[in-house]
Amino acid sequence: MTASVPPTVFDPGCRDCPRLAAHLDRVRADFPGYHAAPVAPFGPTDARLLIVGLAPGMHGANATGRPFTGDHAGILLYRSLYEIGLANQPEATSIDDGLELYDCRVTNAVKCLPPGNRPHTAEVRTCNAFLAAEIARFPPRVVLALGRVAHDAVLRALARRLSAHPFGHGREHGLDGAMTLIDSYHCSRYNTQTRRLTAEMFRDVLARAAVLREVSETPGSADGPTTSMRGQ
């Protein structure tokens, strides 16, 4: 389970984004049983693989209080983690379902539910301080970004130039001598139903991230090379 973290990494009472705070107030009134608050990272703090999503889903993490738990995107994510040995079970249904992650942690670029699942750029930037603090406090060896917003958030958190690391499914970005950023299309219902992202594509990029976390050093400098994953 996730250990306690300092408030610079996660603040359960954060209201720094007025639009998001007001939206959560409305959601909490409409769905009294929902978590309807900032959603904490999940997984061991010493994990070598960090997976970064976009934001909590309305009837998923926003309801359950755990990233990707109870929604369509989480079905593919946690099943794939289980299949490659990074989770103890293939399903995530509630915060007390017994799910454990091995050497892997899951978080979001934005910790609060945004209206229409679309955070404003200013909100992503405001929440970026938490992501930057998390990476600095619990540095992973590999970061897997699910979608362009997460990709850009990771680069901003590490003070890297976005133009030097263009997003692309399966692309690998050497950020320094010990950290690699890997991109994937988000495992959303839209992407999987349109087959922009297949289960096989997602397992391949996730398996590649799992392999790289075992490597003690990865090529590339602060604005080092970008490569494509084999087979992509």
Protein backbone atom coordinates (compact mmCIF):
# COMPACT_ATOMS: atom_id res chain seq x y z
CA MET A 1 0.00 0.00 0.00
CA THR A 2 1.04 3.63 -0.41
CA ALA A 3 3.00 5.00 2.52
CA SER A 4 2.16 8.39 3.98
CA VAL A 5 3.62 11.24 1.97
CA PRO A 6 4.55 14.83 2.87
CA PRO A 7 2.03 17.58 2.05
CA THR A 8 4.28 18.88 -0.73
CA VAL A 9 3.67 15.59 -2.56
CA PHE A 10 -0.07 15.32 -1.90
CA ASP A 11 -2.57 17.52 -0.10
CA PRO A 12 -5.96 15.82 0.47
CA GLY A 13 -7.57 19.19 1.22
CA CYS A 14 -6.09 21.14 -1.68
CA ARG A 15 -8.36 23.84 -3.16
CA ASP A 16 -5.77 25.72 -5.19
CA CYS A 17 -7.83 25.50 -8.40
CA PRO A 18 -11.15 27.34 -7.78
CA ARG A 19 -12.98 25.78 -10.73
CA LEU A 20 -12.01 22.24 -9.69
CA ALA A 21 -12.78 22.87 -6.02
CA ALA A 22 -16.25 24.20 -6.88
CA HIS A 23 -16.87 21.26 -9.20
CA LEU A 24 -15.97 18.78 -6.46
CA ASP A 25 -18.33 20.56 -4.08
CA ARG A 26 -21.17 20.05 -6.56
CA VAL A 27 -20.24 16.42 -7.18
CA ARG A 28 -20.07 15.73 -3.46
CA ALA A 29 -23.57 17.14 -3.04
CA ASP A 30 -24.94 15.08 -5.93
CA PHE A 31 -23.08 11.88 -4.97
CA PRO A 32 -22.65 11.85 -1.16
CA GLY A 33 -20.99 8.44 -1.22
CA TYR A 34 -18.24 9.47 -3.62
CA HIS A 35 -14.69 10.35 -2.60
CA ALA A 36 -15.04 13.67 -4.48
CA ALA A 37 -11.70 15.07 -3.32
CA PRO A 38 -8.07 15.06 -4.48
CA VAL A 39 -6.96 11.49 -5.24
CA ALA A 40 -3.67 10.32 -3.73
CA PRO A 41 -0.96 8.39 -5.61
CA PHE A 42 -1.20 4.63 -5.19
CA GLY A 43 1.62 2.12 -4.83
CA PRO A 44 4.94 1.77 -2.99
CA THR A 45 6.93 4.96 -2.66
CA ASP A 46 10.16 3.15 -3.55
CA ALA A 47 8.76 1.90 -6.87
CA ARG A 48 11.09 2.14 -9.85
CA LEU A 49 8.17 2.57 -12.28
CA LEU A 50 5.83 5.55 -12.03
CA ILE A 51 2.71 5.62 -14.22
CA VAL A 52 1.19 9.07 -14.74
CA GLY A 53 -2.38 9.46 -15.97
CA LEU A 54 -4.42 12.57 -16.68
CA ALA A 55 -6.96 13.05 -13.86
CA PRO A 56 -9.52 11.09 -11.80
CA GLY A 57 -12.56 9.85 -13.72
CA MET A 58 -16.02 10.87 -12.55
CA HIS A 59 -17.26 7.38 -11.67
CA GLY A 60 -13.81 5.84 -11.22
CA ALA A 61 -11.09 7.36 -9.06
CA ASN A 62 -13.30 10.30 -8.11
CA ALA A 63 -15.81 7.81 -6.70
CA THR A 64 -13.42 5.29 -5.14
CA GLY A 65 -10.51 7.50 -4.08
CA ARG A 66 -7.82 5.46 -5.86
CA PRO A 67 -6.31 6.14 -9.31
CA PHE A 68 -7.93 4.21 -12.17
CA THR A 69 -10.09 2.18 -9.78
CA GLY A 70 -13.65 1.45 -10.85
CA ASP A 71 -13.52 2.84 -14.38
CA HIS A 72 -12.95 1.56 -17.91
CA ALA A 73 -9.36 2.78 -18.19
CA GLY A 74 -8.45 0.91 -15.03
CA ILE A 75 -9.68 -2.39 -16.48
CA LEU A 76 -6.89 -2.44 -19.06
CA LEU A 77 -4.28 -0.85 -16.80
CA TYR A 78 -4.56 -3.19 -13.83
CA ARG A 79 -5.15 -6.30 -15.92
CA SER A 80 -1.98 -5.51 -17.86
CA LEU A 81 -0.01 -4.84 -14.67
CA TYR A 82 -1.17 -8.19 -13.31
CA GLU A 83 -0.22 -10.01 -16.51
CA ILE A 84 3.37 -8.74 -16.37
CA GLY A 85 3.74 -9.40 -12.65
CA LEU A 86 3.38 -5.88 -11.23
CA ALA A 87 0.06 -6.42 -9.41
CA ASN A 88 -1.35 -9.18 -7.21
CA GLN A 89 -4.75 -9.25 -8.94
CA PRO A 90 -6.18 -8.24 -12.33
CA GLU A 91 -9.07 -6.05 -11.16
CA ALA A 92 -9.48 -2.82 -9.22
CA THR A 93 -13.00 -2.22 -7.98
CA SER A 94 -12.72 -0.34 -4.68
CA ILE A 95 -10.12 1.14 -2.39
CA ASP A 96 -10.38 -1.86 -0.04
CA ASP A 97 -10.33 -4.66 -2.67
CA GLY A 98 -6.90 -5.93 -1.61
CA LEU A 99 -5.04 -4.73 -4.71
CA GLU A 100 -1.28 -4.36 -4.30
CA LEU A 101 1.29 -3.10 -6.77
CA TYR A 102 4.85 -4.37 -7.01
CA ASP A 103 7.65 -1.91 -7.84
CA CYS A 104 5.07 0.31 -9.52
CA ARG A 105 3.18 3.45 -8.48
CA VAL A 106 0.24 5.18 -10.17
CA THR A 107 -0.57 8.87 -10.00
CA ASN A 108 -2.22 11.61 -12.06
CA ALA A 109 -1.04 14.88 -13.55
CA VAL A 110 -4.14 16.50 -12.02
CA LYS A 111 -5.30 15.12 -8.68
CA CYS A 112 -8.90 16.42 -8.84
CA LEU A 113 -11.80 15.58 -11.15
CA PRO A 114 -12.11 18.24 -13.88
CA PRO A 115 -15.46 19.06 -15.50
CA GLY A 116 -15.87 17.01 -18.65
CA ASN A 117 -12.61 15.20 -17.83
CA ARG A 118 -10.73 18.18 -19.30
CA PRO A 119 -8.52 20.22 -16.99
CA HIS A 120 -7.53 23.71 -18.04
CA THR A 121 -3.87 24.33 -18.79
CA ALA A 122 -3.58 26.56 -15.72
CA GLU A 123 -4.93 23.74 -13.54
CA VAL A 124 -2.41 21.26 -14.93
CA ARG A 125 0.36 23.76 -14.20
CA THR A 126 -0.91 24.44 -10.67
CA CYS A 127 -1.05 20.74 -9.83
CA ASN A 128 2.37 20.21 -11.42
CA ALA A 129 4.05 21.24 -8.19
CA PHE A 130 2.74 18.05 -6.56
CA LEU A 131 4.01 15.86 -9.40
CA ALA A 132 7.40 17.57 -9.32
CA ALA A 133 7.63 17.05 -5.57
CA GLU A 134 6.60 13.40 -5.90
CA ILE A 135 9.25 12.65 -8.51
CA ALA A 136 11.90 14.49 -6.52
CA ARG A 137 10.97 12.84 -3.20
CA PHE A 138 10.44 9.33 -4.62
CA PRO A 139 12.49 9.28 -7.86
CA PRO A 140 11.53 6.46 -10.23
CA ARG A 141 13.79 4.92 -12.81
CA VAL A 142 11.08 4.91 -15.48
CA VAL A 143 8.03 7.14 -15.94
CA LEU A 144 5.22 5.93 -18.20
CA ALA A 145 3.05 8.84 -19.36
CA LEU A 146 -0.49 7.97 -20.43
CA GLY A 147 -1.33 10.59 -23.03
CA ARG A 148 0.11 13.92 -24.12
CA VAL A 149 -1.09 15.92 -21.11
CA ALA A 150 0.66 13.52 -18.73
CA HIS A 151 3.74 13.53 -20.98
CA ASP A 152 3.97 17.32 -20.91
CA ALA A 153 3.31 17.41 -17.16
CA VAL A 154 6.21 15.05 -16.49
CA LEU A 155 8.58 17.13 -18.61
CA ARG A 156 7.49 20.34 -16.85
CA ALA A 157 7.92 18.68 -13.47
CA LEU A 158 11.50 17.86 -14.44
CA ALA A 159 12.14 21.28 -16.01
CA ARG A 160 12.76 19.73 -19.44
CA ARG A 161 12.08 21.37 -22.79
CA LEU A 162 8.86 20.03 -24.32
CA SER A 163 10.12 20.67 -27.85
CA ALA A 164 13.05 18.32 -27.28
CA HIS A 165 10.77 15.40 -26.40
CA PRO A 166 7.76 15.11 -28.75
CA PHE A 167 5.00 12.78 -27.62
CA GLY A 168 4.44 9.53 -29.50
CA HIS A 169 3.12 6.14 -28.51
CA GLY A 170 6.05 3.88 -27.67
CA ARG A 171 8.62 6.67 -27.75
CA GLU A 172 11.39 6.59 -25.17
CA HIS A 173 13.00 9.78 -23.92
CA GLY A 174 16.33 9.75 -22.10
CA LEU A 175 15.95 12.44 -19.44
CA ASP A 176 19.25 11.93 -17.65
CA GLY A 177 21.63 9.10 -16.80
CA ALA A 178 19.11 7.24 -14.67
CA MET A 179 15.57 8.10 -15.78
CA THR A 180 13.57 7.33 -18.91
CA LEU A 181 10.19 8.67 -19.96
CA ILE A 182 8.05 6.35 -22.08
CA ASP A 183 4.86 7.46 -23.83
CA SER A 184 1.63 5.59 -24.35
CA TYR A 185 -1.75 6.57 -25.64
CA HIS A 186 -4.11 6.83 -22.69
CA CYS A 187 -5.99 3.61 -21.94
CA SER A 188 -9.32 5.42 -22.13
CA ARG A 189 -12.57 3.93 -23.35
CA TYR A 190 -12.43 6.11 -26.47
CA ASN A 191 -8.89 5.03 -27.43
CA THR A 192 -9.55 1.34 -26.86
CA GLN A 193 -12.96 1.27 -28.56
CA THR A 194 -11.60 3.05 -31.64
CA ARG A 195 -8.57 0.73 -31.49
CA ARG A 196 -6.17 3.62 -31.49
CA LEU A 197 -4.79 1.68 -28.55
CA THR A 198 -5.18 -2.10 -28.46
CA ALA A 199 -4.62 -4.31 -25.43
CA GLU A 200 -1.55 -5.74 -27.13
CA MET A 201 -0.10 -2.28 -27.83
CA PHE A 202 -0.61 -1.28 -24.22
CA ARG A 203 0.90 -4.48 -22.79
CA ASP A 204 3.92 -4.05 -25.07
CA VAL A 205 4.69 -0.52 -23.90
CA LEU A 206 4.03 -1.44 -20.28
CA ALA A 207 6.27 -4.50 -20.55
CA ARG A 208 8.99 -2.32 -22.07
CA ALA A 209 8.71 0.07 -19.14
CA ALA A 210 8.99 -2.86 -16.75
CA VAL A 211 12.16 -4.05 -18.48
CA LEU A 212 13.77 -0.62 -18.39
CA ARG A 213 13.14 -0.25 -14.68
CA GLU A 214 15.57 -3.14 -14.17
CA VAL A 215 18.35 -1.35 -16.08
CA SER A 216 20.76 0.54 -13.86
CA GLU A 217 21.53 3.24 -16.42
CA THR A 218 19.72 4.48 -19.49
CA PRO A 219 21.18 6.44 -22.38
CA GLY A 220 20.57 10.11 -22.91
CA SER A 221 21.27 13.49 -21.34
CA ALA A 222 18.96 16.12 -19.90
CA ASP A 223 17.63 16.77 -23.38
CA GLY A 224 18.86 13.48 -24.76
CA PRO A 225 17.71 11.27 -27.61
CA THR A 226 14.20 10.20 -28.28
CA THR A 227 13.76 6.68 -29.59
CA SER A 228 10.88 4.55 -30.71
CA MET A 229 10.00 1.29 -29.02
CA ARG A 230 10.68 -1.79 -31.06
CA GLY A 231 7.70 -2.89 -33.07
CA GLN A 232 6.04 0.56 -32.95
